[in-house]
Amino acid sequence: MRIRDELGVLFQDADFAAAFPARGGPGLAPGTLAVVSVMQFAERLTDRQAADAVPDP
């Protein structure tokens, strides 16, 4: 949240609409996925470590 507050909106979800299929379950917002990827890199987490760090809904 603080990154977004400092930098503002970097990407609009509509910019990535063509990358998502029309059918199937809902996906996460592209901006959310980008922030997760950046934070994973910054914390030097493997994919498994990042997945384990996310709390279950």
PDB file of N, CA and C in Angstrom:
ATOM      1  N   MET A   1       0.809  -1.173   0.000  1.00  0.00           N
ATOM      2  CA  MET A   1       0.000   0.000   0.000  1.00  0.00           C
ATOM      3  C   MET A   1       0.865   1.254   0.000  1.00  0.00           C
ATOM      4  N   ARG A   2       1.923   1.227   0.771  1.00  0.00           N
ATOM      5  CA  ARG A   2       2.766   2.423   0.833  1.00  0.00           C
ATOM      6  C   ARG A   2       3.457   2.675  -0.495  1.00  0.00           C
ATOM      7  N   ILE A   3       3.823   1.610  -1.192  1.00  0.00           N
ATOM      8  CA  ILE A   3       4.450   1.784  -2.504  1.00  0.00           C
ATOM      9  C   ILE A   3       3.466   2.480  -3.438  1.00  0.00           C
ATOM     10  N   ARG A   4       2.233   2.000  -3.447  1.00  0.00           N
ATOM     11  CA  ARG A   4       1.221   2.614  -4.310  1.00  0.00           C
ATOM     12  C   ARG A   4       0.964   4.057  -3.895  1.00  0.00           C
ATOM     13  N   ASP A   5       0.918   4.299  -2.603  1.00  0.00           N
ATOM     14  CA  ASP A   5       0.682   5.658  -2.127  1.00  0.00           C
ATOM     15  C   ASP A   5       1.801   6.601  -2.541  1.00  0.00           C
ATOM     16  N   GLU A   6       3.026   6.113  -2.538  1.00  0.00           N
ATOM     17  CA  GLU A   6       4.178   6.941  -2.902  1.00  0.00           C
ATOM     18  C   GLU A   6       4.282   7.145  -4.418  1.00  0.00           C
ATOM     19  N   LEU A   7       4.112   6.058  -5.167  1.00  0.00           N
ATOM     20  CA  LEU A   7       4.337   6.111  -6.612  1.00  0.00           C
ATOM     21  C   LEU A   7       3.079   6.375  -7.422  1.00  0.00           C
ATOM     22  N   GLY A   8       1.931   6.143  -6.831  1.00  0.00           N
ATOM     23  CA  GLY A   8       0.690   6.276  -7.577  1.00  0.00           C
ATOM     24  C   GLY A   8       0.427   5.015  -8.391  1.00  0.00           C
ATOM     25  N   VAL A   9      -0.591   5.041  -9.189  1.00  0.00           N
ATOM     26  CA  VAL A   9      -0.947   3.891 -10.005  1.00  0.00           C
ATOM     27  C   VAL A   9       0.017   3.801 -11.183  1.00  0.00           C
ATOM     28  N   LEU A  10       0.715   2.677 -11.267  1.00  0.00           N
ATOM     29  CA  LEU A  10       1.672   2.486 -12.361  1.00  0.00           C
ATOM     30  C   LEU A  10       1.019   1.840 -13.578  1.00  0.00           C
ATOM     31  N   PHE A  11       0.129   0.892 -13.322  1.00  0.00           N
ATOM     32  CA  PHE A  11      -0.514   0.151 -14.400  1.00  0.00           C
ATOM     33  C   PHE A  11      -2.015   0.106 -14.153  1.00  0.00           C
ATOM     34  N   GLN A  12      -2.768   0.246 -15.212  1.00  0.00           N
ATOM     35  CA  GLN A  12      -4.220   0.096 -15.137  1.00  0.00           C
ATOM     36  C   GLN A  12      -4.569  -1.338 -15.500  1.00  0.00           C
ATOM     37  N   ASP A  13      -5.548  -1.923 -14.823  1.00  0.00           N
ATOM     38  CA  ASP A  13      -5.949  -3.302 -15.113  1.00  0.00           C
ATOM     39  C   ASP A  13      -6.351  -3.469 -16.572  1.00  0.00           C
ATOM     40  N   ALA A  14      -6.978  -2.458 -17.149  1.00  0.00           N
ATOM     41  CA  ALA A  14      -7.428  -2.553 -18.540  1.00  0.00           C
ATOM     42  C   ALA A  14      -6.261  -2.737 -19.510  1.00  0.00           C
ATOM     43  N   ASP A  15      -5.071  -2.302 -19.134  1.00  0.00           N
ATOM     44  CA  ASP A  15      -3.897  -2.471 -19.995  1.00  0.00           C
ATOM     45  C   ASP A  15      -3.545  -3.938 -20.200  1.00  0.00           C
ATOM     46  N   PHE A  16      -3.988  -4.796 -19.288  1.00  0.00           N
ATOM     47  CA  PHE A  16      -3.631  -6.211 -19.336  1.00  0.00           C
ATOM     48  C   PHE A  16      -4.812  -7.104 -19.666  1.00  0.00           C
ATOM     49  N   ALA A  17      -5.943  -6.540 -20.009  1.00  0.00           N
ATOM     50  CA  ALA A  17      -7.163  -7.314 -20.240  1.00  0.00           C
ATOM     51  C   ALA A  17      -6.975  -8.381 -21.315  1.00  0.00           C
ATOM     52  N   ALA A  18      -6.220  -8.097 -22.342  1.00  0.00           N
ATOM     53  CA  ALA A  18      -6.026  -9.064 -23.425  1.00  0.00           C
ATOM     54  C   ALA A  18      -5.211 -10.275 -22.979  1.00  0.00           C
ATOM     55  N   ALA A  19      -4.491 -10.172 -21.897  1.00  0.00           N
ATOM     56  CA  ALA A  19      -3.664 -11.285 -21.419  1.00  0.00           C
ATOM     57  C   ALA A  19      -4.465 -12.316 -20.631  1.00  0.00           C
ATOM     58  N   PHE A  20      -5.726 -12.005 -20.296  1.00  0.00           N
ATOM     59  CA  PHE A  20      -6.545 -12.908 -19.505  1.00  0.00           C
ATOM     60  C   PHE A  20      -7.626 -13.527 -20.369  1.00  0.00           C
ATOM     61  N   PRO A  21      -7.919 -14.817 -20.152  1.00  0.00           N
ATOM     62  CA  PRO A  21      -8.956 -15.463 -20.946  1.00  0.00           C
ATOM     63  C   PRO A  21     -10.345 -14.944 -20.574  1.00  0.00           C
ATOM     64  N   ALA A  22     -11.264 -15.065 -21.512  1.00  0.00           N
ATOM     65  CA  ALA A  22     -12.634 -14.615 -21.270  1.00  0.00           C
ATOM     66  C   ALA A  22     -13.391 -15.610 -20.396  1.00  0.00           C
ATOM     67  N   ARG A  23     -12.966 -16.867 -20.403  1.00  0.00           N
ATOM     68  CA  ARG A  23     -13.642 -17.901 -19.613  1.00  0.00           C
ATOM     69  C   ARG A  23     -12.797 -18.252 -18.396  1.00  0.00           C
ATOM     70  N   GLY A  24     -13.423 -18.950 -17.457  1.00  0.00           N
ATOM     71  CA  GLY A  24     -12.700 -19.416 -16.274  1.00  0.00           C
ATOM     72  C   GLY A  24     -12.944 -18.538 -15.072  1.00  0.00           C
ATOM     73  N   GLY A  25     -12.270 -18.896 -14.004  1.00  0.00           N
ATOM     74  CA  GLY A  25     -12.427 -18.156 -12.754  1.00  0.00           C
ATOM     75  C   GLY A  25     -11.756 -16.803 -12.816  1.00  0.00           C
ATOM     76  N   PRO A  26     -12.104 -15.945 -11.873  1.00  0.00           N
ATOM     77  CA  PRO A  26     -11.500 -14.615 -11.866  1.00  0.00           C
ATOM     78  C   PRO A  26     -10.019 -14.675 -11.506  1.00  0.00           C
ATOM     79  N   GLY A  27      -9.251 -13.828 -12.103  1.00  0.00           N
ATOM     80  CA  GLY A  27      -7.827 -13.747 -11.798  1.00  0.00           C
ATOM     81  C   GLY A  27      -7.561 -12.602 -10.840  1.00  0.00           C
ATOM     82  N   LEU A  28      -6.346 -12.540 -10.365  1.00  0.00           N
ATOM     83  CA  LEU A  28      -5.951 -11.419  -9.525  1.00  0.00           C
ATOM     84  C   LEU A  28      -5.662 -10.214 -10.405  1.00  0.00           C
ATOM     85  N   ALA A  29      -5.781  -9.061  -9.845  1.00  0.00           N
ATOM     86  CA  ALA A  29      -5.508  -7.835 -10.596  1.00  0.00           C
ATOM     87  C   ALA A  29      -4.039  -7.815 -11.008  1.00  0.00           C
ATOM     88  N   PRO A  30      -3.731  -7.418 -12.227  1.00  0.00           N
ATOM     89  CA  PRO A  30      -2.341  -7.372 -12.697  1.00  0.00           C
ATOM     90  C   PRO A  30      -1.450  -6.505 -11.817  1.00  0.00           C
ATOM     91  N   GLY A  31      -1.973  -5.416 -11.313  1.00  0.00           N
ATOM     92  CA  GLY A  31      -1.180  -4.567 -10.428  1.00  0.00           C
ATOM     93  C   GLY A  31      -0.779  -5.289  -9.156  1.00  0.00           C
ATOM     94  N   THR A  32      -1.698  -6.096  -8.624  1.00  0.00           N
ATOM     95  CA  THR A  32      -1.411  -6.884  -7.426  1.00  0.00           C
ATOM     96  C   THR A  32      -0.317  -7.893  -7.717  1.00  0.00           C
ATOM     97  N   LEU A  33      -0.412  -8.565  -8.846  1.00  0.00           N
ATOM     98  CA  LEU A  33       0.608  -9.552  -9.217  1.00  0.00           C
ATOM     99  C   LEU A  33       1.970  -8.898  -9.403  1.00  0.00           C
ATOM    100  N   ALA A  34       1.998  -7.708  -9.963  1.00  0.00           N
ATOM    101  CA  ALA A  34       3.262  -7.006 -10.158  1.00  0.00           C
ATOM    102  C   ALA A  34       3.902  -6.650  -8.818  1.00  0.00           C
ATOM    103  N   VAL A  35       3.093  -6.159  -7.885  1.00  0.00           N
ATOM    104  CA  VAL A  35       3.625  -5.800  -6.564  1.00  0.00           C
ATOM    105  C   VAL A  35       4.140  -7.037  -5.850  1.00  0.00           C
ATOM    106  N   VAL A  36       3.410  -8.146  -5.944  1.00  0.00           N
ATOM    107  CA  VAL A  36       3.853  -9.394  -5.316  1.00  0.00           C
ATOM    108  C   VAL A  36       5.190  -9.824  -5.900  1.00  0.00           C
ATOM    109  N   SER A  37       5.340  -9.730  -7.212  1.00  0.00           N
ATOM    110  CA  SER A  37       6.598 -10.124  -7.857  1.00  0.00           C
ATOM    111  C   SER A  37       7.764  -9.244  -7.401  1.00  0.00           C
ATOM    112  N   VAL A  38       7.531  -7.959  -7.308  1.00  0.00           N
ATOM    113  CA  VAL A  38       8.582  -7.035  -6.866  1.00  0.00           C
ATOM    114  C   VAL A  38       8.962  -7.319  -5.416  1.00  0.00           C
ATOM    115  N   MET A  39       7.959  -7.510  -4.570  1.00  0.00           N
ATOM    116  CA  MET A  39       8.240  -7.777  -3.159  1.00  0.00           C
ATOM    117  C   MET A  39       8.939  -9.123  -2.979  1.00  0.00           C
ATOM    118  N   GLN A  40       8.554 -10.116  -3.773  1.00  0.00           N
ATOM    119  CA  GLN A  40       9.221 -11.421  -3.719  1.00  0.00           C
ATOM    120  C   GLN A  40      10.698 -11.258  -4.063  1.00  0.00           C
ATOM    121  N   PHE A  41      10.991 -10.495  -5.092  1.00  0.00           N
ATOM    122  CA  PHE A  41      12.378 -10.243  -5.481  1.00  0.00           C
ATOM    123  C   PHE A  41      13.122  -9.483  -4.385  1.00  0.00           C
ATOM    124  N   ALA A  42      12.485  -8.457  -3.841  1.00  0.00           N
ATOM    125  CA  ALA A  42      13.129  -7.628  -2.813  1.00  0.00           C
ATOM    126  C   ALA A  42      13.449  -8.434  -1.558  1.00  0.00           C
ATOM    127  N   GLU A  43      12.583  -9.383  -1.228  1.00  0.00           N
ATOM    128  CA  GLU A  43      12.790 -10.207  -0.036  1.00  0.00           C
ATOM    129  C   GLU A  43      13.620 -11.460  -0.339  1.00  0.00           C
ATOM    130  N   ARG A  44      13.960 -11.639  -1.619  1.00  0.00           N
ATOM    131  CA  ARG A  44      14.749 -12.797  -2.067  1.00  0.00           C
ATOM    132  C   ARG A  44      14.095 -14.119  -1.681  1.00  0.00           C
ATOM    133  N   LEU A  45      12.800 -14.214  -1.973  1.00  0.00           N
ATOM    134  CA  LEU A  45      12.048 -15.421  -1.669  1.00  0.00           C
ATOM    135  C   LEU A  45      11.914 -16.291  -2.915  1.00  0.00           C
ATOM    136  N   THR A  46      11.980 -17.599  -2.711  1.00  0.00           N
ATOM    137  CA  THR A  46      11.675 -18.512  -3.805  1.00  0.00           C
ATOM    138  C   THR A  46      10.168 -18.493  -4.032  1.00  0.00           C
ATOM    139  N   ASP A  47       9.714 -19.083  -5.127  1.00  0.00           N
ATOM    140  CA  ASP A  47       8.281 -19.149  -5.383  1.00  0.00           C
ATOM    141  C   ASP A  47       7.574 -19.860  -4.238  1.00  0.00           C
ATOM    142  N   ARG A  48       8.146 -20.954  -3.762  1.00  0.00           N
ATOM    143  CA  ARG A  48       7.536 -21.721  -2.668  1.00  0.00           C
ATOM    144  C   ARG A  48       7.478 -20.883  -1.387  1.00  0.00           C
ATOM    145  N   GLN A  49       8.548 -20.186  -1.063  1.00  0.00           N
ATOM    146  CA  GLN A  49       8.559 -19.364   0.143  1.00  0.00           C
ATOM    147  C   GLN A  49       7.507 -18.245   0.053  1.00  0.00           C
ATOM    148  N   ALA A  50       7.387 -17.643  -1.119  1.00  0.00           N
ATOM    149  CA  ALA A  50       6.398 -16.582  -1.306  1.00  0.00           C
ATOM    150  C   ALA A  50       4.982 -17.142  -1.163  1.00  0.00           C
ATOM    151  N   ALA A  51       4.729 -18.309  -1.747  1.00  0.00           N
ATOM    152  CA  ALA A  51       3.408 -18.928  -1.638  1.00  0.00           C
ATOM    153  C   ALA A  51       3.088 -19.286  -0.192  1.00  0.00           C
ATOM    154  N   ASP A  52       4.081 -19.775   0.542  1.00  0.00           N
ATOM    155  CA  ASP A  52       3.868 -20.139   1.943  1.00  0.00           C
ATOM    156  C   ASP A  52       3.661 -18.905   2.817  1.00  0.00           C
ATOM    157  N   ALA A  53       4.163 -17.746   2.402  1.00  0.00           N
ATOM    158  CA  ALA A  53       4.015 -16.522   3.187  1.00  0.00           C
ATOM    159  C   ALA A  53       2.628 -15.909   3.080  1.00  0.00           C
ATOM    160  N   VAL A  54       1.850 -16.333   2.084  1.00  0.00           N
ATOM    161  CA  VAL A  54       0.502 -15.792   1.891  1.00  0.00           C
ATOM    162  C   VAL A  54      -0.450 -16.537   2.806  1.00  0.00           C
ATOM    163  N   PRO A  55      -1.200 -15.811   3.622  1.00  0.00           N
ATOM    164  CA  PRO A  55      -2.137 -16.480   4.527  1.00  0.00           C
ATOM    165  C   PRO A  55      -3.293 -17.110   3.760  1.00  0.00           C
ATOM    166  N   ASP A  56      -3.830 -18.205   4.286  1.00  0.00           N
ATOM    167  CA  ASP A  56      -4.987 -18.846   3.685  1.00  0.00           C
ATOM    168  C   ASP A  56      -6.214 -17.981   3.896  1.00  0.00           C
ATOM    169  N   PRO A  57      -7.096 -17.924   2.882  1.00  0.00           N
ATOM    170  CA  PRO A  57      -8.317 -17.090   3.029  1.00  0.00           C
ATOM    171  C   PRO A  57      -9.256 -17.636   4.071  1.00  0.00           C
TER     172      PRO A  57
END
